Amino acid sequence: MASICATTHGQIYEDNMSRMFIVAVDESLEQTQNIIAYQSKAASGIAEKEQENEAKEFLQNCIRMLKPQKVINPYADKIKLPLQAHKIRRLHELFLSFVKQVTLINQYNRNKDQQGRLITEPEDLKIAVEIMFDSIFLKVDELDGSLRQFF
């Protein structure tokens, strides 16, 4: 199951915060200008809807090609997240699960063990850290995302 939740007061949903990846919205002027430009193109019919639909269909087809497979992570016992992170036990499990997902996405480029399980590569860990770094940081940071961006 996947779920998306949006709030400006994450502390109110404290128990849910430990079960999710926390992201902060990019409130920069540059991002605002990009959004406004896209909205204007879409409203005026200039937006490349066909190109967007092709990209969406390509991604859907990529997902359809994935096979459910077991994954082993020989590096799992070497992962050390910051102990001061909020609900570190859940965060560690979330991170391991995310690494598994990265391995699954790369299943056609991964080796298998003798039992046919995919083997996580260091590259999978690197990708997971790059994607999750801000989320992990927000779980350790005393400030929420918008305040951190302000400072």
Protein backbone atom coordinates (compact mmCIF):
# COMPACT_ATOMS: atom_id res chain seq x y z
CA MET A 1 0.00 0.00 0.00
CA ALA A 2 1.19 3.51 -0.73
CA SER A 3 -0.10 6.68 0.83
CA ILE A 4 0.68 10.36 0.49
CA CYS A 5 -0.03 12.81 3.28
CA ALA A 6 0.47 16.57 3.23
CA THR A 7 0.54 18.81 6.26
CA THR A 8 2.25 21.89 7.57
CA HIS A 9 2.10 20.54 11.13
CA GLY A 10 3.86 17.18 11.10
CA GLN A 11 4.16 17.18 14.88
CA ILE A 12 0.37 16.70 15.12
CA TYR A 13 0.74 13.40 13.28
CA GLU A 14 3.79 12.36 15.29
CA ASP A 15 3.09 8.63 15.07
CA ASN A 16 2.66 8.76 11.29
CA MET A 17 5.90 10.73 10.88
CA SER A 18 7.91 7.66 11.84
CA ARG A 19 6.18 5.56 9.19
CA MET A 20 6.77 7.89 6.24
CA PHE A 21 9.48 9.56 4.27
CA ILE A 22 9.34 13.21 5.21
CA VAL A 23 9.91 15.70 2.41
CA ALA A 24 9.82 19.46 2.43
CA VAL A 25 8.34 21.41 -0.44
CA ASP A 26 10.77 23.55 -2.40
CA GLU A 27 9.44 27.04 -1.66
CA SER A 28 12.22 28.82 -3.56
CA LEU A 29 11.46 31.66 -5.96
CA GLU A 30 12.95 29.63 -8.83
CA GLN A 31 10.63 26.67 -8.15
CA THR A 32 7.63 29.01 -7.87
CA GLN A 33 8.50 30.52 -11.25
CA ASN A 34 8.81 27.04 -12.79
CA ILE A 35 5.39 26.04 -11.46
CA ILE A 36 3.74 29.23 -12.67
CA ALA A 37 5.34 28.84 -16.11
CA TYR A 38 4.06 25.26 -16.39
CA GLN A 39 0.58 26.22 -15.20
CA SER A 40 0.48 29.00 -17.80
CA LYS A 41 1.61 26.65 -20.59
CA ALA A 42 -0.98 24.05 -19.59
CA ALA A 43 -3.78 26.63 -19.47
CA SER A 44 -2.83 28.07 -22.86
CA GLY A 45 -2.49 24.65 -24.50
CA ILE A 46 1.23 25.06 -25.14
CA ALA A 47 2.27 22.33 -22.69
CA GLU A 48 3.63 19.17 -24.30
CA LYS A 49 0.79 16.89 -23.17
CA GLU A 50 1.65 14.23 -25.74
CA GLN A 51 5.26 14.15 -24.54
CA GLU A 52 4.05 13.96 -20.91
CA ASN A 53 1.71 11.07 -21.76
CA GLU A 54 4.52 9.23 -23.57
CA ALA A 55 6.79 9.62 -20.52
CA LYS A 56 4.00 8.41 -18.21
CA GLU A 57 3.31 5.40 -20.43
CA PHE A 58 7.03 4.58 -20.61
CA LEU A 59 7.27 4.57 -16.80
CA GLN A 60 4.17 2.41 -16.50
CA ASN A 61 5.64 -0.09 -18.95
CA CYS A 62 8.93 -0.15 -17.03
CA ILE A 63 7.04 -0.99 -13.84
CA ARG A 64 5.07 -3.73 -15.62
CA MET A 65 8.36 -5.40 -16.60
CA LEU A 66 9.44 -5.78 -12.97
CA LYS A 67 9.05 -9.24 -11.47
CA PRO A 68 8.38 -9.89 -7.79
CA GLN A 69 11.64 -11.28 -6.40
CA LYS A 70 13.30 -11.79 -3.06
CA VAL A 71 16.22 -9.52 -2.24
CA ILE A 72 19.13 -10.01 0.10
CA ASN A 73 21.25 -7.11 1.27
CA PRO A 74 24.74 -8.24 2.33
CA TYR A 75 25.45 -4.70 3.57
CA ALA A 76 22.43 -4.39 5.87
CA ASP A 77 24.47 -4.99 9.04
CA LYS A 78 26.84 -2.16 8.09
CA ILE A 79 24.16 0.55 7.83
CA LYS A 80 24.29 3.03 10.70
CA LEU A 81 21.66 5.77 10.72
CA PRO A 82 21.92 8.70 13.17
CA LEU A 83 20.80 7.44 16.59
CA GLN A 84 19.12 10.77 17.35
CA ALA A 85 16.73 10.27 14.42
CA HIS A 86 13.05 10.20 15.30
CA LYS A 87 11.90 6.59 15.93
CA ILE A 88 15.17 5.12 14.69
CA ARG A 89 13.82 1.55 14.70
CA ARG A 90 11.14 2.38 12.16
CA LEU A 91 13.45 4.60 10.14
CA HIS A 92 16.00 1.79 9.87
CA GLU A 93 13.33 -0.60 8.60
CA LEU A 94 12.07 2.06 6.15
CA PHE A 95 15.57 2.56 4.84
CA LEU A 96 16.20 -1.17 4.41
CA SER A 97 12.89 -1.47 2.59
CA PHE A 98 13.82 1.42 0.33
CA VAL A 99 17.17 -0.17 -0.52
CA LYS A 100 15.28 -3.34 -1.41
CA GLN A 101 13.03 -1.33 -3.74
CA VAL A 102 16.04 0.21 -5.46
CA THR A 103 17.50 -3.27 -5.94
CA LEU A 104 14.19 -4.50 -7.39
CA ILE A 105 14.04 -1.62 -9.84
CA ASN A 106 17.53 -2.57 -11.02
CA GLN A 107 16.72 -6.31 -11.09
CA TYR A 108 17.85 -6.81 -14.68
CA ASN A 109 21.32 -5.49 -13.74
CA ARG A 110 21.75 -7.39 -10.47
CA ASN A 111 23.32 -10.75 -9.72
CA LYS A 112 21.41 -13.52 -7.99
CA ASP A 113 22.57 -15.89 -5.29
CA GLN A 114 22.28 -19.68 -5.51
CA GLN A 115 18.68 -19.49 -4.28
CA GLY A 116 17.67 -17.05 -7.03
CA ARG A 117 17.46 -13.98 -4.77
CA LEU A 118 18.62 -10.60 -6.05
CA ILE A 119 21.76 -9.30 -4.37
CA THR A 120 21.88 -5.64 -3.35
CA GLU A 121 24.90 -3.80 -4.74
CA PRO A 122 26.70 -0.82 -3.14
CA GLU A 123 25.23 1.33 -5.93
CA ASP A 124 21.72 0.54 -4.60
CA LEU A 125 22.71 1.83 -1.18
CA LYS A 126 24.22 4.97 -2.69
CA ILE A 127 21.04 5.69 -4.66
CA ALA A 128 18.86 5.08 -1.58
CA VAL A 129 20.98 7.45 0.52
CA GLU A 130 20.92 10.14 -2.17
CA ILE A 131 17.15 9.94 -2.42
CA MET A 132 16.44 9.58 1.30
CA PHE A 133 19.12 11.89 2.71
CA ASP A 134 16.83 14.90 3.10
CA SER A 135 14.10 12.75 4.65
CA ILE A 136 16.54 11.29 7.18
CA PHE A 137 17.91 14.77 7.89
CA LEU A 138 14.39 16.11 8.51
CA LYS A 139 13.82 13.34 11.07
CA VAL A 140 16.95 14.43 12.95
CA ASP A 141 16.54 18.18 12.50
CA GLU A 142 14.77 20.18 15.20
CA LEU A 143 13.30 22.49 12.54
CA ASP A 144 10.66 21.47 10.02
CA GLY A 145 11.44 21.62 6.29
CA SER A 146 10.18 25.11 5.52
CA LEU A 147 11.98 26.62 8.52
CA ARG A 148 15.21 24.84 7.59
CA GLN A 149 14.97 26.19 4.04
CA PHE A 150 14.39 29.68 5.44
CA PHE A 151 17.54 29.50 7.55
